[in-house]
Amino acid sequence: MDGGADARTGALTFTAVSFGVGVAFGVLWFMITRPAAGLLLEHLDPVRARAALVRFGAGTVVYAALLGLVFVSPLLVLVLHAVIALYYVLDQLPEDAFARPGLSAAPPGGSGGAPG
């Protein structure tokens, strides 16, 4: 039960778009976390922010592999997309992942809620 040509076309399109989004996000995150960019808030640790690129970029590598696998088994590709989605849904970073020692991880101005 591979679904035929339509399943391959759908899985290929979905995987290609996912790969493109992954590449775009990776490039954007890389550019934002460059020390010269000066775009990180002061309470974010640049080293840990850049290390997150490796963890979150892992899906992009898998998407690239799925682009070839789609011609073998579109159903398996769909299942692996679900696995990747679970990987991203799970909280991969500890609460203080981006906090620098000695600085509060809370945003300036309190809890971040609307002023009352």
N, C-alpha and C. Protein backbone atom coordinates (compact mmCIF):
# COMPACT_ATOMS: atom_id res chain seq x y z
N MET A 1 0.84 -1.19 0.00
CA MET A 1 0.00 0.00 0.00
C MET A 1 0.88 1.24 0.00
N ASP A 2 1.36 1.63 -1.17
CA ASP A 2 2.21 2.81 -1.24
C ASP A 2 1.46 4.04 -1.75
N GLY A 3 0.25 3.90 -2.26
CA GLY A 3 -0.56 5.03 -2.66
C GLY A 3 -0.33 5.50 -4.08
N GLY A 4 0.65 4.96 -4.77
CA GLY A 4 0.88 5.30 -6.17
C GLY A 4 1.55 6.65 -6.37
N ALA A 5 1.41 7.14 -7.60
CA ALA A 5 2.08 8.38 -8.01
C ALA A 5 1.57 9.59 -7.24
N ASP A 6 0.28 9.63 -6.92
CA ASP A 6 -0.26 10.77 -6.18
C ASP A 6 0.34 10.84 -4.77
N ALA A 7 0.52 9.68 -4.14
CA ALA A 7 1.12 9.65 -2.81
C ALA A 7 2.56 10.14 -2.87
N ARG A 8 3.28 9.71 -3.89
CA ARG A 8 4.67 10.17 -4.05
C ARG A 8 4.74 11.67 -4.28
N THR A 9 3.84 12.18 -5.13
CA THR A 9 3.82 13.61 -5.40
C THR A 9 3.51 14.41 -4.14
N GLY A 10 2.51 13.96 -3.40
CA GLY A 10 2.14 14.65 -2.16
C GLY A 10 3.25 14.60 -1.13
N ALA A 11 3.85 13.42 -0.95
CA ALA A 11 4.93 13.27 0.04
C ALA A 11 6.16 14.07 -0.39
N LEU A 12 6.44 14.08 -1.69
CA LEU A 12 7.60 14.84 -2.18
C LEU A 12 7.38 16.34 -1.97
N THR A 13 6.18 16.82 -2.28
CA THR A 13 5.88 18.24 -2.09
C THR A 13 5.98 18.63 -0.62
N PHE A 14 5.37 17.84 0.25
CA PHE A 14 5.39 18.12 1.69
C PHE A 14 6.82 18.10 2.22
N THR A 15 7.60 17.12 1.79
CA THR A 15 8.98 17.01 2.27
C THR A 15 9.84 18.15 1.73
N ALA A 16 9.65 18.51 0.48
CA ALA A 16 10.42 19.62 -0.10
C ALA A 16 10.12 20.93 0.62
N VAL A 17 8.85 21.17 0.91
CA VAL A 17 8.48 22.39 1.64
C VAL A 17 9.06 22.35 3.05
N SER A 18 8.98 21.21 3.71
CA SER A 18 9.54 21.08 5.07
C SER A 18 11.05 21.31 5.05
N PHE A 19 11.72 20.77 4.05
CA PHE A 19 13.16 20.98 3.92
C PHE A 19 13.47 22.46 3.71
N GLY A 20 12.71 23.12 2.84
CA GLY A 20 12.91 24.55 2.60
C GLY A 20 12.70 25.39 3.84
N VAL A 21 11.66 25.07 4.60
CA VAL A 21 11.40 25.80 5.85
C VAL A 21 12.54 25.56 6.84
N GLY A 22 13.02 24.32 6.91
CA GLY A 22 14.13 24.01 7.82
C GLY A 22 15.39 24.77 7.47
N VAL A 23 15.69 24.83 6.18
CA VAL A 23 16.88 25.58 5.73
C VAL A 23 16.71 27.07 6.03
N ALA A 24 15.53 27.61 5.73
CA ALA A 24 15.28 29.03 5.98
C ALA A 24 15.40 29.36 7.47
N PHE A 25 14.81 28.52 8.32
CA PHE A 25 14.89 28.75 9.75
C PHE A 25 16.34 28.67 10.23
N GLY A 26 17.07 27.67 9.73
CA GLY A 26 18.47 27.52 10.13
C GLY A 26 19.31 28.72 9.75
N VAL A 27 19.12 29.22 8.54
CA VAL A 27 19.87 30.40 8.09
C VAL A 27 19.49 31.62 8.93
N LEU A 28 18.19 31.79 9.17
CA LEU A 28 17.73 32.91 9.98
C LEU A 28 18.30 32.84 11.39
N TRP A 29 18.24 31.67 12.02
CA TRP A 29 18.76 31.51 13.38
C TRP A 29 20.26 31.75 13.40
N PHE A 30 20.97 31.26 12.38
CA PHE A 30 22.42 31.48 12.29
C PHE A 30 22.73 32.97 12.21
N MET A 31 22.00 33.68 11.38
CA MET A 31 22.25 35.12 11.21
C MET A 31 21.92 35.90 12.49
N ILE A 32 20.86 35.52 13.16
CA ILE A 32 20.46 36.22 14.39
C ILE A 32 21.46 36.00 15.50
N THR A 33 22.01 34.80 15.59
CA THR A 33 22.88 34.47 16.72
C THR A 33 24.35 34.79 16.47
N ARG A 34 24.68 35.38 15.33
CA ARG A 34 26.06 35.81 15.10
C ARG A 34 26.40 36.91 16.11
N PRO A 35 27.58 36.83 16.69
CA PRO A 35 27.96 37.89 17.65
C PRO A 35 27.92 39.28 17.02
N ALA A 36 28.29 39.41 15.77
CA ALA A 36 28.32 40.73 15.13
C ALA A 36 26.92 41.28 14.86
N ALA A 37 25.92 40.42 14.87
CA ALA A 37 24.57 40.88 14.57
C ALA A 37 24.01 41.77 15.67
N GLY A 38 24.37 41.48 16.92
CA GLY A 38 23.89 42.28 18.04
C GLY A 38 22.38 42.19 18.23
N LEU A 39 21.78 41.09 17.84
CA LEU A 39 20.32 40.96 17.91
C LEU A 39 19.81 40.18 19.12
N LEU A 40 20.71 39.53 19.85
CA LEU A 40 20.27 38.75 21.01
C LEU A 40 20.02 39.66 22.20
N LEU A 41 18.97 39.35 22.95
CA LEU A 41 18.73 40.08 24.19
C LEU A 41 19.87 39.80 25.15
N GLU A 42 20.11 40.70 26.06
CA GLU A 42 21.28 40.56 26.93
C GLU A 42 21.21 39.34 27.83
N HIS A 43 20.01 38.81 28.12
CA HIS A 43 19.94 37.65 29.00
C HIS A 43 20.09 36.34 28.25
N LEU A 44 20.30 36.37 26.93
CA LEU A 44 20.49 35.15 26.16
C LEU A 44 21.98 34.87 26.00
N ASP A 45 22.35 33.65 26.27
CA ASP A 45 23.74 33.23 26.14
C ASP A 45 24.01 32.88 24.67
N PRO A 46 24.87 33.63 23.99
CA PRO A 46 25.10 33.41 22.56
C PRO A 46 25.63 32.00 22.24
N VAL A 47 26.47 31.46 23.11
CA VAL A 47 27.03 30.13 22.86
C VAL A 47 25.92 29.07 22.87
N ARG A 48 25.04 29.16 23.86
CA ARG A 48 23.95 28.19 23.94
C ARG A 48 22.92 28.42 22.84
N ALA A 49 22.72 29.65 22.46
CA ALA A 49 21.78 29.94 21.37
C ALA A 49 22.28 29.34 20.06
N ARG A 50 23.59 29.45 19.81
CA ARG A 50 24.15 28.87 18.59
C ARG A 50 24.14 27.35 18.66
N ALA A 51 24.32 26.78 19.87
CA ALA A 51 24.29 25.32 20.02
C ALA A 51 22.90 24.77 19.69
N ALA A 52 21.88 25.58 19.90
CA ALA A 52 20.52 25.14 19.59
C ALA A 52 20.36 24.90 18.09
N LEU A 53 21.15 25.57 17.28
CA LEU A 53 21.08 25.39 15.83
C LEU A 53 21.36 23.93 15.45
N VAL A 54 22.28 23.29 16.14
CA VAL A 54 22.60 21.89 15.86
C VAL A 54 21.41 21.00 16.19
N ARG A 55 20.80 21.22 17.37
CA ARG A 55 19.66 20.38 17.77
C ARG A 55 18.47 20.59 16.84
N PHE A 56 18.15 21.82 16.54
CA PHE A 56 16.98 22.10 15.72
C PHE A 56 17.26 21.86 14.24
N GLY A 57 18.51 21.91 13.84
CA GLY A 57 18.86 21.66 12.45
C GLY A 57 18.90 20.19 12.09
N ALA A 58 18.82 19.33 13.08
CA ALA A 58 18.84 17.89 12.81
C ALA A 58 17.67 17.47 11.92
N GLY A 59 16.53 18.09 12.10
CA GLY A 59 15.37 17.76 11.28
C GLY A 59 15.60 18.09 9.82
N THR A 60 16.34 19.15 9.54
CA THR A 60 16.62 19.53 8.17
C THR A 60 17.43 18.45 7.46
N VAL A 61 18.37 17.86 8.18
CA VAL A 61 19.17 16.77 7.62
C VAL A 61 18.28 15.57 7.32
N VAL A 62 17.35 15.28 8.23
CA VAL A 62 16.43 14.17 8.01
C VAL A 62 15.52 14.45 6.83
N TYR A 63 15.03 15.70 6.71
CA TYR A 63 14.19 16.06 5.56
C TYR A 63 14.93 15.82 4.25
N ALA A 64 16.21 16.13 4.21
CA ALA A 64 17.01 15.91 3.00
C ALA A 64 17.04 14.42 2.65
N ALA A 65 17.21 13.58 3.65
CA ALA A 65 17.21 12.13 3.42
C ALA A 65 15.83 11.65 2.95
N LEU A 66 14.78 12.24 3.50
CA LEU A 66 13.43 11.84 3.12
C LEU A 66 13.11 12.19 1.68
N LEU A 67 13.78 13.20 1.13
CA LEU A 67 13.55 13.56 -0.27
C LEU A 67 13.86 12.38 -1.20
N GLY A 68 14.85 11.59 -0.87
CA GLY A 68 15.17 10.40 -1.67
C GLY A 68 14.28 9.22 -1.31
N LEU A 69 13.97 9.09 -0.04
CA LEU A 69 13.16 7.96 0.43
C LEU A 69 11.73 8.02 -0.07
N VAL A 70 11.26 9.19 -0.44
CA VAL A 70 9.87 9.35 -0.89
C VAL A 70 9.59 8.51 -2.13
N PHE A 71 10.61 8.23 -2.93
CA PHE A 71 10.43 7.42 -4.13
C PHE A 71 10.39 5.93 -3.83
N VAL A 72 10.82 5.56 -2.63
CA VAL A 72 10.79 4.16 -2.21
C VAL A 72 9.50 3.86 -1.47
N SER A 73 9.15 4.71 -0.49
CA SER A 73 7.96 4.46 0.32
C SER A 73 7.36 5.77 0.85
N PRO A 74 6.37 6.31 0.14
CA PRO A 74 5.73 7.54 0.61
C PRO A 74 5.09 7.38 1.99
N LEU A 75 4.57 6.20 2.28
CA LEU A 75 3.95 5.96 3.59
C LEU A 75 4.99 6.05 4.71
N LEU A 76 6.14 5.44 4.49
CA LEU A 76 7.21 5.52 5.49
C LEU A 76 7.65 6.96 5.70
N VAL A 77 7.72 7.73 4.62
CA VAL A 77 8.08 9.15 4.72
C VAL A 77 7.08 9.89 5.59
N LEU A 78 5.80 9.61 5.42
CA LEU A 78 4.77 10.24 6.23
C LEU A 78 4.92 9.88 7.70
N VAL A 79 5.22 8.63 7.98
CA VAL A 79 5.44 8.19 9.37
C VAL A 79 6.66 8.91 9.96
N LEU A 80 7.72 9.03 9.16
CA LEU A 80 8.91 9.71 9.66
C LEU A 80 8.68 11.21 9.86
N HIS A 81 7.80 11.81 9.08
CA HIS A 81 7.42 13.20 9.32
C HIS A 81 6.74 13.32 10.69
N ALA A 82 5.93 12.35 11.03
CA ALA A 82 5.28 12.36 12.35
C ALA A 82 6.32 12.24 13.47
N VAL A 83 7.33 11.41 13.26
CA VAL A 83 8.40 11.27 14.26
C VAL A 83 9.15 12.59 14.42
N ILE A 84 9.46 13.25 13.30
CA ILE A 84 10.14 14.54 13.37
C ILE A 84 9.27 15.56 14.10
N ALA A 85 7.97 15.54 13.83
CA ALA A 85 7.06 16.46 14.51
C ALA A 85 7.09 16.22 16.02
N LEU A 86 7.09 14.98 16.44
CA LEU A 86 7.18 14.67 17.87
C LEU A 86 8.50 15.17 18.45
N TYR A 87 9.56 15.03 17.70
CA TYR A 87 10.88 15.52 18.15
C TYR A 87 10.81 17.02 18.43
N TYR A 88 10.17 17.77 17.55
CA TYR A 88 10.08 19.22 17.74
C TYR A 88 9.06 19.61 18.79
N VAL A 89 8.04 18.80 18.99
CA VAL A 89 7.02 19.13 19.99
C VAL A 89 7.58 18.98 21.41
N LEU A 90 8.40 17.96 21.61
CA LEU A 90 8.98 17.75 22.93
C LEU A 90 9.90 18.90 23.28
N ASP A 91 9.81 19.34 24.52
CA ASP A 91 10.65 20.45 24.97
C ASP A 91 12.09 19.96 25.05
N GLN A 92 12.93 20.44 24.14
CA GLN A 92 14.30 19.96 24.06
C GLN A 92 15.25 20.76 24.94
N LEU A 93 14.84 21.92 25.33
CA LEU A 93 15.73 22.79 26.06
C LEU A 93 15.26 22.97 27.50
N PRO A 94 16.18 22.95 28.45
CA PRO A 94 15.79 23.21 29.83
C PRO A 94 15.30 24.65 29.97
N GLU A 95 14.57 24.90 31.05
CA GLU A 95 13.98 26.21 31.31
C GLU A 95 15.00 27.34 31.22
N ASP A 96 16.22 27.09 31.70
CA ASP A 96 17.23 28.13 31.74
C ASP A 96 18.26 28.01 30.60
N ALA A 97 17.88 27.38 29.50
CA ALA A 97 18.83 27.10 28.43
C ALA A 97 19.50 28.35 27.89
N PHE A 98 18.81 29.46 27.88
CA PHE A 98 19.38 30.67 27.30
C PHE A 98 19.75 31.70 28.35
N ALA A 99 19.67 31.34 29.61
CA ALA A 99 19.99 32.30 30.67
C ALA A 99 21.49 32.33 30.92
N ARG A 100 22.03 33.52 31.01
CA ARG A 100 23.42 33.68 31.39
C ARG A 100 23.51 33.62 32.91
N PRO A 101 24.59 33.08 33.46
CA PRO A 101 24.74 33.05 34.91
C PRO A 101 24.65 34.45 35.50
N GLY A 102 23.88 34.58 36.57
CA GLY A 102 23.77 35.85 37.26
C GLY A 102 22.69 36.77 36.73
N LEU A 103 22.04 36.40 35.63
CA LEU A 103 20.97 37.22 35.08
C LEU A 103 19.65 36.48 35.17
N SER A 104 18.60 37.21 35.38
CA SER A 104 17.28 36.61 35.45
C SER A 104 16.83 36.22 34.05
N ALA A 105 16.17 35.06 33.93
CA ALA A 105 15.65 34.61 32.64
C ALA A 105 14.32 35.29 32.32
N ALA A 106 13.74 35.99 33.30
CA ALA A 106 12.46 36.66 33.08
C ALA A 106 12.67 37.87 32.18
N PRO A 107 11.71 38.13 31.30
CA PRO A 107 11.84 39.29 30.43
C PRO A 107 11.75 40.59 31.23
N PRO A 108 12.34 41.65 30.73
CA PRO A 108 12.27 42.92 31.46
C PRO A 108 10.82 43.34 31.65
N GLY A 109 10.53 43.88 32.79
CA GLY A 109 9.16 44.36 33.06
C GLY A 109 8.28 43.32 33.71
N GLY A 110 8.84 42.20 34.15
CA GLY A 110 8.02 41.23 34.88
C GLY A 110 7.70 40.01 34.06
N SER A 111 6.46 39.54 34.18
CA SER A 111 6.07 38.25 33.63
C SER A 111 5.79 38.29 32.14
N GLY A 112 5.76 39.44 31.54
CA GLY A 112 5.52 39.53 30.12
C GLY A 112 4.06 39.68 29.77
N GLY A 113 3.21 39.74 30.78
CA GLY A 113 1.77 39.90 30.53
C GLY A 113 1.45 41.33 30.18
N ALA A 114 0.21 41.55 29.81
CA ALA A 114 -0.24 42.90 29.46
C ALA A 114 -0.25 43.78 30.70
N PRO A 115 0.13 45.05 30.55
CA PRO A 115 0.12 45.93 31.70
C PRO A 115 -1.31 46.10 32.25
N GLY A 116 -1.39 46.16 33.55
CA GLY A 116 -2.72 46.20 34.15
C GLY A 116 -2.96 47.43 34.81
